[in-house]
Amino acid sequence: MINAKSKIKTFLYKYSPVVLLFASILNEVDFNNLGLKYFSFNFAYILIFYYSLKRSESLGYTFIFTAGLFNDVMIGIPMGTSSLSYLLICAATAYLRNITLRPNIFKDWIFFLITISLLNFISFIVLMLIFKYEVSFFDQIVNITFTFLLYLFFSRLFDLYDNLLLGKSNAR
């Protein structure tokens, strides 16, 4: 019985980030139905940044790329746009992981802001100039702001979840 619990915990620890990523992309929750007109955030950015930084083995690049393709289909933008953004997040977190001597949540948070701002700028330019896709600059700013602010909350939530599964605290 104890061995079965251990296997379940290991399975959840290993695959829950991938399941959560695909569930969040395929769900596409729209907060406009709740009457919150100017509230949007990119949960996939938070999830990919966090797990690429803390547990780089938990999300494979193939899963991340595929999730980006699914996201493009769900929101109706040119194929590969989200995949490029997601993989650039992985590159940024790999850089941060390699240069960081002492992990700090607030430094990670600021680096996250810089990363998502740069990614949204690149996506904005690619969609507007290359694909002639209409994108609202104001909506991008709102999305960046709420994604940035909610990173701390979700980071703590993911830490608690990992600690519950492992029964100890994470090093990073």
Protein backbone atom coordinates (compact mmCIF):
# COMPACT_ATOMS: atom_id res chain seq x y z
CA MET A 1 0.00 0.00 0.00
CA ILE A 2 2.82 2.40 0.86
CA ASN A 3 4.57 1.59 -2.40
CA ALA A 4 1.38 2.37 -4.37
CA LYS A 5 1.10 5.77 -2.66
CA SER A 6 4.71 6.48 -3.49
CA LYS A 7 4.16 5.58 -7.14
CA ILE A 8 1.11 7.82 -7.35
CA LYS A 9 3.00 10.72 -5.77
CA THR A 10 5.91 10.20 -8.16
CA PHE A 11 3.54 10.08 -11.13
CA LEU A 12 1.77 13.28 -10.02
CA TYR A 13 5.07 15.01 -9.34
CA LYS A 14 6.39 14.08 -12.75
CA TYR A 15 3.37 14.63 -15.02
CA SER A 16 1.12 17.18 -13.32
CA PRO A 17 2.87 20.21 -14.90
CA VAL A 18 2.30 18.80 -18.41
CA VAL A 19 -1.34 17.96 -17.67
CA LEU A 20 -1.89 21.39 -16.14
CA LEU A 21 -0.29 23.10 -19.15
CA PHE A 22 -2.50 21.34 -21.67
CA ALA A 23 -5.60 21.76 -19.50
CA SER A 24 -5.01 25.49 -19.20
CA ILE A 25 -4.44 25.90 -22.94
CA LEU A 26 -7.41 23.79 -24.01
CA ASN A 27 -9.71 25.37 -21.42
CA GLU A 28 -9.26 29.02 -22.51
CA VAL A 29 -11.17 30.52 -19.58
CA ASP A 30 -12.60 33.89 -20.51
CA PHE A 31 -13.04 36.26 -17.58
CA ASN A 32 -15.33 38.52 -19.61
CA ASN A 33 -18.15 36.11 -18.69
CA LEU A 34 -17.57 37.07 -15.06
CA GLY A 35 -17.94 40.77 -15.81
CA LEU A 36 -14.21 41.46 -15.44
CA LYS A 37 -13.54 43.38 -18.63
CA TYR A 38 -9.90 44.27 -18.10
CA PHE A 39 -8.57 41.16 -16.45
CA SER A 40 -6.46 38.69 -18.38
CA PHE A 41 -3.27 36.82 -17.68
CA ASN A 42 -1.22 34.19 -19.41
CA PHE A 43 -1.19 31.17 -17.12
CA ALA A 44 0.93 29.20 -19.59
CA TYR A 45 3.74 31.77 -19.28
CA ILE A 46 3.66 31.46 -15.49
CA LEU A 47 3.59 27.67 -15.56
CA ILE A 48 6.35 27.31 -18.16
CA PHE A 49 8.58 29.89 -16.48
CA TYR A 50 8.16 28.39 -13.03
CA TYR A 51 8.68 24.75 -13.97
CA SER A 52 11.45 25.48 -16.46
CA LEU A 53 13.25 27.39 -13.73
CA LYS A 54 12.59 25.13 -10.73
CA ARG A 55 12.30 21.68 -12.33
CA SER A 56 13.59 21.84 -15.86
CA GLU A 57 12.99 18.13 -16.37
CA SER A 58 9.23 18.37 -15.68
CA LEU A 59 8.24 19.98 -18.98
CA GLY A 60 9.91 18.67 -22.09
CA TYR A 61 10.55 20.96 -25.03
CA THR A 62 8.39 18.74 -27.24
CA PHE A 63 5.43 19.11 -24.88
CA ILE A 64 5.97 22.86 -24.68
CA PHE A 65 6.20 23.23 -28.46
CA THR A 66 3.08 21.10 -28.95
CA ALA A 67 1.21 23.08 -26.31
CA GLY A 68 2.10 26.26 -28.22
CA LEU A 69 0.64 24.80 -31.42
CA PHE A 70 -2.55 23.87 -29.58
CA ASN A 71 -2.71 27.39 -28.14
CA ASP A 72 -2.35 28.93 -31.61
CA VAL A 73 -5.24 26.84 -32.89
CA MET A 74 -7.41 27.66 -29.85
CA ILE A 75 -6.96 31.43 -30.06
CA GLY A 76 -6.70 31.65 -33.84
CA ILE A 77 -3.25 33.12 -34.40
CA PRO A 78 -0.65 31.95 -36.95
CA MET A 79 0.87 28.56 -36.18
CA GLY A 80 4.13 28.62 -34.28
CA THR A 81 3.74 32.02 -32.66
CA SER A 82 2.99 30.68 -29.17
CA SER A 83 5.48 27.84 -29.57
CA LEU A 84 8.21 30.37 -30.29
CA SER A 85 7.21 32.37 -27.21
CA TYR A 86 7.11 29.30 -24.99
CA LEU A 87 10.50 28.08 -26.16
CA LEU A 88 11.98 31.56 -25.65
CA ILE A 89 10.72 31.41 -22.06
CA CYS A 90 12.62 28.12 -21.69
CA ALA A 91 15.76 29.75 -23.10
CA ALA A 92 15.41 32.68 -20.68
CA THR A 93 14.94 30.39 -17.68
CA ALA A 94 17.91 28.26 -18.72
CA TYR A 95 20.00 31.44 -18.81
CA LEU A 96 18.71 32.55 -15.40
CA ARG A 97 19.33 29.09 -13.89
CA ASN A 98 22.93 29.15 -15.14
CA ILE A 99 23.81 32.63 -13.87
CA THR A 100 22.06 32.40 -10.49
CA LEU A 101 24.22 31.57 -7.49
CA ARG A 102 21.63 32.18 -4.79
CA PRO A 103 17.99 31.80 -5.86
CA ASN A 104 15.68 34.62 -4.87
CA ILE A 105 11.96 34.75 -5.66
CA PHE A 106 11.95 38.51 -6.16
CA LYS A 107 14.86 38.44 -8.61
CA ASP A 108 13.10 35.63 -10.47
CA TRP A 109 9.94 37.74 -10.45
CA ILE A 110 11.70 40.77 -11.96
CA PHE A 111 13.39 38.56 -14.55
CA PHE A 112 9.95 37.13 -15.34
CA LEU A 113 8.63 40.64 -15.98
CA ILE A 114 11.50 41.40 -18.35
CA THR A 115 11.02 38.07 -20.12
CA ILE A 116 7.27 38.36 -20.68
CA SER A 117 7.56 42.01 -21.70
CA LEU A 118 10.15 41.09 -24.31
CA LEU A 119 8.10 38.10 -25.49
CA ASN A 120 4.91 40.10 -25.82
CA PHE A 121 6.81 42.80 -27.71
CA ILE A 122 8.24 40.20 -30.10
CA SER A 123 4.81 38.57 -30.54
CA PHE A 124 3.23 41.98 -31.09
CA ILE A 125 5.77 42.88 -33.78
CA VAL A 126 5.53 39.47 -35.50
CA LEU A 127 1.73 39.47 -35.51
CA MET A 128 1.36 43.11 -36.58
CA LEU A 129 4.13 43.47 -39.14
CA ILE A 130 4.53 40.02 -40.66
CA PHE A 131 1.03 38.56 -40.42
CA LYS A 132 -0.98 41.83 -40.41
CA TYR A 133 -2.88 40.45 -37.44
CA GLU A 134 -4.68 43.07 -35.36
CA VAL A 135 -3.52 43.14 -31.75
CA SER A 136 -4.60 45.59 -29.06
CA PHE A 137 -1.62 47.23 -27.37
CA PHE A 138 -3.74 48.03 -24.30
CA ASP A 139 -4.81 44.40 -23.95
CA GLN A 140 -1.15 43.36 -24.13
CA ILE A 141 -0.25 45.75 -21.29
CA VAL A 142 -3.13 44.49 -19.14
CA ASN A 143 -2.09 40.89 -19.79
CA ILE A 144 1.57 41.56 -18.93
CA THR A 145 0.60 43.39 -15.74
CA PHE A 146 -1.70 40.67 -14.38
CA THR A 147 0.61 37.86 -15.48
CA PHE A 148 3.48 39.58 -13.65
CA LEU A 149 1.44 40.21 -10.50
CA LEU A 150 0.03 36.68 -10.35
CA TYR A 151 3.42 35.00 -10.75
CA LEU A 152 4.17 35.29 -7.02
CA PHE A 153 0.83 33.76 -6.08
CA PHE A 154 1.15 30.82 -8.47
CA SER A 155 4.81 30.33 -7.59
CA ARG A 156 3.88 29.89 -3.94
CA LEU A 157 0.98 27.63 -4.90
CA PHE A 158 3.26 25.42 -7.04
CA ASP A 159 5.82 25.33 -4.21
CA LEU A 160 3.12 24.17 -1.78
CA TYR A 161 1.93 21.52 -4.22
CA ASP A 162 5.45 20.20 -4.76
CA ASN A 163 6.12 20.22 -1.02
CA LEU A 164 2.93 18.26 -0.37
CA LEU A 165 3.94 15.63 -2.89
CA LEU A 166 7.55 15.40 -1.77
CA GLY A 167 7.07 16.01 1.93
CA LYS A 168 9.98 18.47 2.03
CA SER A 169 10.89 21.97 0.85
CA ASN A 170 12.47 22.69 -2.52
CA ALA A 171 16.02 23.98 -2.76
CA ARG A 172 15.13 26.72 -5.25
